[in-house]
Amino acid sequence: MATALLALSGTITARAKAPDMRRVNDAAVADEGMPRTLSQYGFFADGARQVPSERVTPYALNTPLWSDGAEKLRFIYLPEGTRLTADGEGLLQFPVGAAIVKTFAFGEGAARRLIETRVLLHRADGWTALPYRWNAEQTEATLALAGGRVDLVTPAGEAISYAIPNKNQCKSCHSKDGTVIPIGPKARNLSVRWMGDMVKAGWLDRLPPGGATMPVWAGYAGSSPAAPFARAYLDANCAHCHQPGGGASNSGLDLRWEQSDPHAIGIMKRPVAAGRGAGGHEFSILPGQPDRSILLYRMNSAEPGVAMPELGKASVDTHGVAVVRRWIAEMQPK
């Protein structure tokens, strides 16, 4: 991860010195309408190799959302003369005309296949989320308003039917109080080095105080304290719905990183409307008893109607489950 972040840092500097690169089509990003193909935006100088265009900057998250083990290539686009604004350790604020681009890929080297690219476009009337599906030739991605299915094998060797979300499903995860918003680039979940380089490039107004508080997930080891990694995992994978104003706010769970109330994060909390998803268990988290905790039960399932998250996975993240299991097991029984 450290090597990757250093590479990103170098890319930001290089990008600022490369005026001859392909430029993004600002009208496609900022105007109303839904471009039929990904190439119409001009985000990439080389889409198949994911080489970004001018003012399209790669970034990484300390603790990313897990999606069946997919490799994710993340980019931010800022129009000329604009920059990001820091808002404490929360979401960076994007100017109108900006975009967030995320490509999902499986396989390595020559065997790597781009499956989909999701774009979030910040327009004058708010954010618009659109999914694009890559063709077999890896030459273009086409708007997939209805989503789609792709049969593939995960890095863990499991054959799955991978789901590309439809436009409404994109909205369901990226919604707070009925408004579409980004969920990934929070200052607390971004590298201090990356943010510092963005400030130097003039693309971020300031280095947020107290930023990058969430741990680097790739740095987890068996001897690492489980609590910060488990809380960061729940923030990245669950809190976009499980927070006030989120799509699952009726559950009463608030799994955001900044939430400190034990009951709000599920400790000794009885379910509100889990149904069969509760698995016969009484509490979201029962301290010292991971196998009697609803939260872990649902994380450890890929069965529709039981599995959490409901969208974005067709298999179980065994590593994430193991970290959350250890966190619950280490809690003092009530």
Protein backbone atom coordinates (compact mmCIF):
# COMPACT_ATOMS: atom_id res chain seq x y z
CA MET A 1 0.00 0.00 0.00
CA ALA A 2 2.84 2.39 0.86
CA THR A 3 4.37 1.79 -2.58
CA ALA A 4 1.02 2.39 -4.24
CA LEU A 5 0.52 5.66 -2.39
CA LEU A 6 4.00 6.83 -3.36
CA ALA A 7 3.14 6.01 -6.96
CA LEU A 8 -0.05 8.01 -6.68
CA SER A 9 1.92 10.89 -5.23
CA GLY A 10 4.25 10.85 -8.22
CA THR A 11 1.31 10.67 -10.59
CA ILE A 12 -0.19 13.87 -9.15
CA THR A 13 3.05 15.74 -9.73
CA ALA A 14 3.42 14.32 -13.22
CA ARG A 15 -0.17 15.12 -14.08
CA ALA A 16 0.34 18.78 -13.16
CA LYS A 17 3.25 18.98 -15.65
CA ALA A 18 1.57 17.27 -18.61
CA PRO A 19 -0.52 19.83 -20.53
CA ASP A 20 -0.28 17.74 -23.72
CA MET A 21 -2.45 14.96 -22.29
CA ARG A 22 -6.00 14.33 -23.48
CA ARG A 23 -8.54 16.70 -21.96
CA VAL A 24 -11.86 15.71 -20.42
CA ASN A 25 -15.11 16.68 -22.15
CA ASP A 26 -16.49 19.09 -19.54
CA ALA A 27 -19.86 19.32 -21.26
CA ALA A 28 -20.40 15.56 -20.92
CA VAL A 29 -19.58 15.73 -17.21
CA ALA A 30 -21.46 18.86 -16.20
CA ASP A 31 -24.42 19.06 -18.58
CA GLU A 32 -27.68 17.18 -18.25
CA GLY A 33 -27.92 13.89 -20.08
CA MET A 34 -26.36 10.45 -19.89
CA PRO A 35 -23.52 9.82 -22.34
CA ARG A 36 -23.94 6.40 -23.93
CA THR A 37 -20.28 5.44 -23.72
CA LEU A 38 -17.54 6.03 -21.16
CA SER A 39 -15.16 7.33 -23.81
CA GLN A 40 -17.43 10.33 -24.43
CA TYR A 41 -16.26 11.82 -21.14
CA GLY A 42 -12.58 11.56 -22.04
CA PHE A 43 -11.55 10.51 -18.53
CA PHE A 44 -8.87 8.21 -19.91
CA ALA A 45 -6.10 8.71 -22.44
CA ASP A 46 -6.09 4.91 -22.66
CA GLY A 47 -9.22 3.29 -21.23
CA ALA A 48 -8.07 -0.32 -21.48
CA ARG A 49 -4.92 0.46 -19.48
CA GLN A 50 -6.75 3.00 -17.30
CA VAL A 51 -4.27 5.76 -18.11
CA PRO A 52 -5.98 8.98 -16.93
CA SER A 53 -6.35 12.19 -18.89
CA GLU A 54 -5.30 15.68 -17.81
CA ARG A 55 -6.63 16.71 -14.38
CA VAL A 56 -7.84 13.16 -13.72
CA THR A 57 -6.01 12.05 -10.60
CA PRO A 58 -5.81 8.53 -9.12
CA TYR A 59 -6.40 8.03 -5.43
CA ALA A 60 -6.66 5.17 -2.94
CA LEU A 61 -8.57 4.66 0.29
CA ASN A 62 -6.93 3.55 3.52
CA THR A 63 -9.76 1.08 4.13
CA PRO A 64 -11.75 0.42 0.96
CA LEU A 65 -15.20 -1.08 0.44
CA TRP A 66 -14.89 -4.77 -0.46
CA SER A 67 -16.66 -6.01 -3.61
CA ASP A 68 -16.04 -9.73 -4.17
CA GLY A 69 -12.31 -9.07 -4.15
CA ALA A 70 -12.39 -6.78 -7.19
CA GLU A 71 -9.43 -4.55 -7.90
CA LYS A 72 -10.67 -0.96 -7.91
CA LEU A 73 -9.06 1.86 -9.81
CA ARG A 74 -10.24 5.20 -8.43
CA PHE A 75 -9.92 8.65 -9.98
CA ILE A 76 -11.04 12.22 -9.32
CA TYR A 77 -11.58 14.75 -12.10
CA LEU A 78 -11.45 18.50 -11.39
CA PRO A 79 -12.24 21.09 -14.08
CA GLU A 80 -9.68 23.78 -14.84
CA GLY A 81 -9.62 26.51 -12.20
CA THR A 82 -11.33 24.45 -9.48
CA ARG A 83 -10.20 22.56 -6.43
CA LEU A 84 -11.46 20.34 -3.63
CA THR A 85 -12.38 21.82 -0.27
CA ALA A 86 -11.60 20.04 2.99
CA ASP A 87 -14.44 19.70 5.49
CA GLY A 88 -12.76 18.45 8.65
CA GLU A 89 -12.13 14.72 8.46
CA GLY A 90 -15.35 14.11 6.51
CA LEU A 91 -16.08 14.01 2.79
CA LEU A 92 -14.04 16.32 0.61
CA GLN A 93 -16.29 18.90 -1.06
CA PHE A 94 -16.27 18.78 -4.87
CA PRO A 95 -16.91 21.71 -7.21
CA VAL A 96 -19.68 21.54 -9.81
CA GLY A 97 -18.26 19.91 -12.93
CA ALA A 98 -16.11 17.46 -10.97
CA ALA A 99 -16.41 13.68 -11.23
CA ILE A 100 -15.45 10.57 -9.27
CA VAL A 101 -14.62 7.54 -11.41
CA LYS A 102 -14.20 3.95 -10.20
CA THR A 103 -13.35 0.95 -12.36
CA PHE A 104 -13.79 -2.64 -11.15
CA ALA A 105 -11.41 -5.26 -12.51
CA PHE A 106 -10.64 -8.94 -11.94
CA GLY A 107 -7.49 -10.87 -12.81
CA GLU A 108 -3.86 -9.85 -13.01
CA GLY A 109 -1.44 -8.84 -15.73
CA ALA A 110 -2.55 -9.78 -19.23
CA ALA A 111 -5.48 -11.70 -17.72
CA ARG A 112 -6.95 -8.62 -16.06
CA ARG A 113 -10.47 -7.79 -17.26
CA LEU A 114 -12.24 -4.49 -16.71
CA ILE A 115 -15.84 -5.30 -15.72
CA GLU A 116 -17.50 -1.96 -15.06
CA THR A 117 -16.78 1.70 -14.43
CA ARG A 118 -19.06 3.75 -12.19
CA VAL A 119 -19.10 7.53 -12.48
CA LEU A 120 -20.42 10.15 -10.10
CA LEU A 121 -20.97 13.45 -11.86
CA HIS A 122 -21.35 16.66 -9.86
CA ARG A 123 -23.81 18.77 -11.82
CA ALA A 124 -25.54 22.03 -10.96
CA ASP A 125 -28.58 20.17 -9.60
CA GLY A 126 -26.54 17.67 -7.56
CA TRP A 127 -24.75 14.36 -8.06
CA THR A 128 -25.69 11.85 -10.76
CA ALA A 129 -24.55 8.19 -10.55
CA LEU A 130 -24.17 6.14 -13.75
CA PRO A 131 -22.80 2.60 -14.37
CA TYR A 132 -20.87 1.60 -17.53
CA ARG A 133 -20.15 -2.00 -18.59
CA TRP A 134 -16.94 -2.93 -20.43
CA ASN A 135 -17.15 -4.99 -23.58
CA ALA A 136 -15.33 -8.28 -24.07
CA GLU A 137 -12.73 -6.60 -26.31
CA GLN A 138 -11.90 -4.12 -23.51
CA THR A 139 -12.20 -1.24 -25.96
CA GLU A 140 -15.27 0.54 -24.58
CA ALA A 141 -17.72 0.65 -21.68
CA THR A 142 -21.39 1.27 -22.44
CA LEU A 143 -24.05 2.83 -20.24
CA ALA A 144 -25.87 0.05 -18.35
CA LEU A 145 -28.91 1.73 -16.80
CA ALA A 146 -30.47 -1.67 -16.10
CA GLY A 147 -27.27 -3.08 -14.62
CA GLY A 148 -26.17 -6.57 -15.61
CA ARG A 149 -24.59 -9.85 -14.65
CA VAL A 150 -21.10 -11.16 -15.42
CA ASP A 151 -19.95 -14.70 -14.63
CA LEU A 152 -16.42 -14.62 -13.25
CA VAL A 153 -14.04 -16.18 -10.74
CA THR A 154 -13.00 -14.14 -7.71
CA PRO A 155 -9.39 -13.88 -6.49
CA ALA A 156 -10.38 -16.45 -3.85
CA GLY A 157 -11.22 -18.92 -6.63
CA GLU A 158 -15.00 -18.76 -6.21
CA ALA A 159 -17.21 -18.75 -9.31
CA ILE A 160 -19.89 -16.06 -8.95
CA SER A 161 -22.45 -14.12 -10.92
CA TYR A 162 -21.12 -10.61 -10.42
CA ALA A 163 -23.80 -7.91 -10.33
CA ILE A 164 -23.36 -4.56 -12.03
CA PRO A 165 -25.83 -2.29 -10.20
CA ASN A 166 -28.59 -0.52 -12.06
CA LYS A 167 -28.92 3.25 -11.84
CA ASN A 168 -31.41 3.11 -8.94
CA GLN A 169 -29.17 0.75 -6.98
CA CYS A 170 -26.29 3.19 -7.40
CA LYS A 171 -28.55 5.83 -5.94
CA SER A 172 -29.62 3.64 -3.00
CA CYS A 173 -26.06 3.32 -1.69
CA HIS A 174 -25.07 6.90 -2.49
CA SER A 175 -28.07 8.48 -0.82
CA LYS A 176 -28.38 10.44 2.39
CA ASP A 177 -31.63 12.21 3.31
CA GLY A 178 -32.78 11.47 -0.23
CA THR A 179 -29.83 13.24 -1.85
CA VAL A 180 -27.12 11.47 -3.87
CA ILE A 181 -23.63 12.02 -2.42
CA PRO A 182 -20.14 10.48 -2.67
CA ILE A 183 -19.30 7.93 0.03
CA GLY A 184 -15.61 7.15 -0.42
CA PRO A 185 -13.24 10.15 -0.37
CA LYS A 186 -13.41 11.20 3.27
CA ALA A 187 -10.31 12.94 4.62
CA ARG A 188 -10.07 10.41 7.45
CA ASN A 189 -9.79 7.60 4.88
CA LEU A 190 -7.23 9.19 2.57
CA SER A 191 -3.45 9.25 2.74
CA VAL A 192 -1.92 12.37 4.32
CA ARG A 193 0.77 12.23 1.64
CA TRP A 194 -1.85 12.18 -1.14
CA MET A 195 -3.76 15.08 0.40
CA GLY A 196 -0.52 17.01 0.90
CA ASP A 197 0.41 16.54 -2.74
CA MET A 198 -3.07 17.67 -3.78
CA VAL A 199 -2.56 20.85 -1.74
CA LYS A 200 0.82 21.45 -3.41
CA ALA A 201 -0.75 20.95 -6.83
CA GLY A 202 -3.43 23.51 -5.97
CA TRP A 203 -6.21 20.92 -6.19
CA LEU A 204 -7.12 20.88 -2.46
CA ASP A 205 -7.53 24.03 -0.39
CA ARG A 206 -5.78 22.77 2.75
CA LEU A 207 -4.58 19.69 4.59
CA PRO A 208 -7.45 18.75 6.92
CA PRO A 209 -6.45 18.67 10.59
CA GLY A 210 -6.79 15.21 12.06
CA GLY A 211 -7.15 13.58 8.65
CA ALA A 212 -6.24 9.98 7.77
CA THR A 213 -7.39 8.61 11.11
CA MET A 214 -8.69 5.35 9.62
CA PRO A 215 -6.04 2.62 9.42
CA VAL A 216 -4.57 1.18 6.22
CA TRP A 217 -6.47 -2.09 5.83
CA ALA A 218 -3.65 -3.78 3.92
CA GLY A 219 -1.43 -3.24 6.96
CA TYR A 220 -3.55 -5.44 9.25
CA ALA A 221 -1.72 -8.29 10.93
CA GLY A 222 -2.77 -10.87 13.50
CA SER A 223 -1.01 -8.84 16.18
CA SER A 224 -2.75 -5.58 15.20
CA PRO A 225 -5.43 -4.17 17.52
CA ALA A 226 -8.68 -5.46 16.03
CA ALA A 227 -10.97 -2.58 17.08
CA PRO A 228 -9.75 0.22 14.77
CA PHE A 229 -9.63 -2.10 11.76
CA ALA A 230 -13.09 -3.53 12.47
CA ARG A 231 -14.59 -0.07 12.96
CA ALA A 232 -12.92 1.19 9.77
CA TYR A 233 -14.23 -1.83 7.86
CA LEU A 234 -17.79 -1.19 9.07
CA ASP A 235 -17.49 2.49 8.18
CA ALA A 236 -16.32 1.70 4.64
CA ASN A 237 -18.64 -1.23 3.96
CA CYS A 238 -21.80 -0.51 5.94
CA ALA A 239 -22.06 3.08 7.19
CA HIS A 240 -23.23 4.60 3.89
CA CYS A 241 -26.58 2.93 4.66
CA HIS A 242 -26.34 2.44 8.42
CA GLN A 243 -26.29 6.06 9.57
CA PRO A 244 -28.88 8.76 10.21
CA GLY A 245 -30.42 9.66 6.86
CA GLY A 246 -28.98 6.56 5.17
CA GLY A 247 -30.92 3.87 3.37
CA ALA A 248 -30.94 1.61 6.43
CA SER A 249 -31.43 4.29 9.09
CA ASN A 250 -34.63 2.51 10.22
CA SER A 251 -32.40 -0.25 11.65
CA GLY A 252 -31.21 2.15 14.34
CA LEU A 253 -27.60 1.14 13.67
CA ASP A 254 -25.02 3.88 13.14
CA LEU A 255 -21.79 2.28 11.94
CA ARG A 256 -19.88 5.46 11.09
CA TRP A 257 -16.27 5.71 12.25
CA GLU A 258 -17.03 8.76 14.40
CA GLN A 259 -19.90 7.12 16.30
CA SER A 260 -18.82 6.35 19.89
CA ASP A 261 -22.09 5.22 21.49
CA PRO A 262 -21.80 1.42 22.00
CA HIS A 263 -25.53 0.86 21.60
CA ALA A 264 -25.62 2.85 18.33
CA ILE A 265 -22.95 0.62 16.79
CA GLY A 266 -24.93 -2.45 17.82
CA ILE A 267 -23.52 -3.57 21.17
CA MET A 268 -26.38 -5.19 23.12
CA LYS A 269 -28.79 -3.68 20.61
CA ARG A 270 -31.85 -5.72 19.65
CA PRO A 271 -32.83 -5.70 15.96
CA VAL A 272 -35.65 -3.50 14.73
CA ALA A 273 -36.66 -5.29 11.53
CA ALA A 274 -34.04 -7.92 10.69
CA GLY A 275 -36.56 -10.76 10.17
CA ARG A 276 -34.87 -13.99 9.15
CA GLY A 277 -31.70 -11.97 8.73
CA ALA A 278 -31.30 -12.13 12.50
CA GLY A 279 -30.57 -15.84 12.28
CA GLY A 280 -32.38 -16.42 15.57
CA HIS A 281 -29.94 -14.18 17.45
CA GLU A 282 -31.05 -11.49 19.90
CA PHE A 283 -28.44 -8.75 19.54
CA SER A 284 -26.61 -7.02 16.71
CA ILE A 285 -23.39 -7.45 18.68
CA LEU A 286 -23.17 -9.66 21.76
CA PRO A 287 -19.82 -8.91 23.42
CA GLY A 288 -17.53 -11.91 23.58
CA GLN A 289 -19.96 -13.92 21.43
CA PRO A 290 -19.33 -13.33 17.71
CA ASP A 291 -21.29 -16.43 16.67
CA ARG A 292 -24.35 -15.12 18.50
CA SER A 293 -24.09 -11.64 16.94
CA ILE A 294 -26.45 -10.68 14.10
CA LEU A 295 -23.91 -8.34 12.53
CA LEU A 296 -21.35 -11.11 12.03
CA TYR A 297 -24.03 -13.62 11.00
CA ARG A 298 -25.12 -11.38 8.14
CA MET A 299 -21.58 -10.47 7.12
CA ASN A 300 -20.78 -14.19 6.93
CA SER A 301 -23.63 -14.96 4.51
CA ALA A 302 -24.07 -14.59 0.75
CA GLU A 303 -27.72 -15.63 0.90
CA PRO A 304 -30.15 -13.01 -0.48
CA GLY A 305 -32.29 -11.59 2.30
CA VAL A 306 -29.64 -12.44 4.90
CA ALA A 307 -26.36 -11.13 3.49
CA MET A 308 -25.09 -7.71 4.41
CA PRO A 309 -24.31 -5.56 2.57
CA GLU A 310 -27.37 -6.36 0.47
CA LEU A 311 -25.73 -4.98 -2.68
CA GLY A 312 -22.20 -5.23 -3.98
CA LYS A 313 -21.28 -8.77 -3.00
CA ALA A 314 -22.03 -12.30 -4.16
CA SER A 315 -19.47 -13.94 -1.88
CA VAL A 316 -18.17 -13.59 1.66
CA ASP A 317 -15.18 -11.48 2.60
CA THR A 318 -13.49 -14.02 4.86
CA HIS A 319 -10.75 -11.58 5.88
CA GLY A 320 -13.25 -8.88 6.88
CA VAL A 321 -15.33 -11.43 8.76
CA ALA A 322 -12.24 -12.65 10.63
CA VAL A 323 -11.28 -9.14 11.77
CA VAL A 324 -14.81 -8.28 12.96
CA ARG A 325 -15.07 -11.69 14.65
CA ARG A 326 -11.89 -11.03 16.58
CA TRP A 327 -13.10 -7.56 17.57
CA ILE A 328 -16.36 -8.94 19.00
CA ALA A 329 -14.59 -11.88 20.66
CA GLU A 330 -12.23 -9.49 22.48
CA MET A 331 -15.11 -7.44 23.96
CA GLN A 332 -15.83 -7.86 27.62
CA PRO A 333 -19.09 -9.84 28.04
CA LYS A 334 -21.97 -7.79 29.44
